[in-house]
C-alpha atoms as a PDB file:
ATOM      1  CA  UNK A   1     -76.389-145.768  78.921  1.00  0.00           C
ATOM      2  CA  UNK A   2     -73.232-144.067  77.585  1.00  0.00           C
ATOM      3  CA  UNK A   3     -73.701-141.100  75.301  1.00  0.00           C
ATOM      4  CA  UNK A   4     -72.906-141.731  71.639  1.00  0.00           C
ATOM      5  CA  UNK A   5     -70.095-139.593  70.308  1.00  0.00           C
ATOM      6  CA  UNK A   6     -71.392-137.796  67.177  1.00  0.00           C
ATOM      7  CA  UNK A   7     -67.875-137.406  65.773  1.00  0.00           C
ATOM      8  CA  UNK A   8     -67.665-140.731  63.848  1.00  0.00           C
ATOM      9  CA  UNK A   9     -71.255-140.450  62.616  1.00  0.00           C
ATOM     10  CA  UNK A  10     -71.012-136.902  61.280  1.00  0.00           C
ATOM     11  CA  UNK A  11     -69.017-137.737  58.075  1.00  0.00           C
ATOM     12  CA  UNK A  12     -71.298-140.715  57.446  1.00  0.00           C
ATOM     13  CA  UNK A  13     -74.371-138.496  57.668  1.00  0.00           C
ATOM     14  CA  UNK A  14     -72.838-135.892  55.368  1.00  0.00           C
ATOM     15  CA  UNK A  15     -71.784-138.561  52.872  1.00  0.00           C
ATOM     16  CA  UNK A  16     -75.252-140.126  52.852  1.00  0.00           C
ATOM     17  CA  UNK A  17     -76.862-136.699  52.452  1.00  0.00           C
ATOM     18  CA  UNK A  18     -74.565-135.743  49.575  1.00  0.00           C
ATOM     19  CA  UNK A  19     -75.163-139.097  47.877  1.00  0.00           C
ATOM     20  CA  UNK A  20     -78.929-138.638  48.159  1.00  0.00           C
ATOM     21  CA  UNK A  21     -78.738-135.142  46.673  1.00  0.00           C
ATOM     22  CA  UNK A  22     -76.470-136.304  43.842  1.00  0.00           C
ATOM     23  CA  UNK A  23     -78.687-139.266  42.978  1.00  0.00           C
ATOM     24  CA  UNK A  24     -81.829-137.112  43.062  1.00  0.00           C
ATOM     25  CA  UNK A  25     -80.248-134.474  40.839  1.00  0.00           C
ATOM     26  CA  UNK A  26     -78.898-137.118  38.468  1.00  0.00           C
ATOM     27  CA  UNK A  27     -82.297-138.782  38.180  1.00  0.00           C
ATOM     28  CA  UNK A  28     -84.011-135.471  37.526  1.00  0.00           C
ATOM     29  CA  UNK A  29     -81.361-134.461  34.997  1.00  0.00           C
ATOM     30  CA  UNK A  30     -81.495-137.727  33.073  1.00  0.00           C
ATOM     31  CA  UNK A  31     -85.293-137.701  33.042  1.00  0.00           C
ATOM     32  CA  UNK A  32     -85.747-134.105  31.904  1.00  0.00           C
ATOM     33  CA  UNK A  33     -82.705-133.102  29.848  1.00  0.00           C
ATOM     34  CA  UNK A  34     -80.879-136.202  28.647  1.00  0.00           C
ATOM     35  CA  UNK A  35     -82.486-138.007  25.684  1.00  0.00           C
ATOM     36  CA  UNK A  36     -83.475-141.682  26.182  1.00  0.00           C
ATOM     37  CA  UNK A  37     -80.783-142.895  23.783  1.00  0.00           C
ATOM     38  CA  UNK A  38     -78.042-140.981  25.568  1.00  0.00           C
ATOM     39  CA  UNK A  39     -79.355-141.914  29.013  1.00  0.00           C
ATOM     40  CA  UNK A  40     -78.666-145.625  28.633  1.00  0.00           C
ATOM     41  CA  UNK A  41     -75.083-145.152  27.457  1.00  0.00           C
ATOM     42  CA  UNK A  42     -73.958-142.311  29.718  1.00  0.00           C
ATOM     43  CA  UNK A  43     -75.917-142.911  32.919  1.00  0.00           C
ATOM     44  CA  UNK A  44     -72.998-144.635  34.652  1.00  0.00           C
ATOM     45  CA  UNK A  45     -70.499-142.230  33.079  1.00  0.00           C
ATOM     46  CA  UNK A  46     -72.405-139.219  34.418  1.00  0.00           C
ATOM     47  CA  UNK A  47     -72.287-140.646  37.942  1.00  0.00           C
ATOM     48  CA  UNK A  48     -68.524-141.231  37.967  1.00  0.00           C
ATOM     49  CA  UNK A  49     -67.690-137.901  36.305  1.00  0.00           C
ATOM     50  CA  UNK A  50     -69.916-135.893  38.643  1.00  0.00           C
ATOM     51  CA  UNK A  51     -68.342-132.508  39.602  1.00  0.00           C
ATOM     52  CA  UNK A  52     -67.914-133.083  43.325  1.00  0.00           C
ATOM     53  CA  UNK A  53     -67.675-129.911  45.461  1.00  0.00           C
END
């Protein structure tokens, strides 16, 4: 069986890991800090305006 080259899978793994971290942080932030009224209106806005590294 040929060995799988990890080059094409590395960015995918990093992207999935970053997305998981962002979603977890966003969920925690909206549940603890953001009020319920603000959460419904700015939940999608917070995701798209996330300060990416």
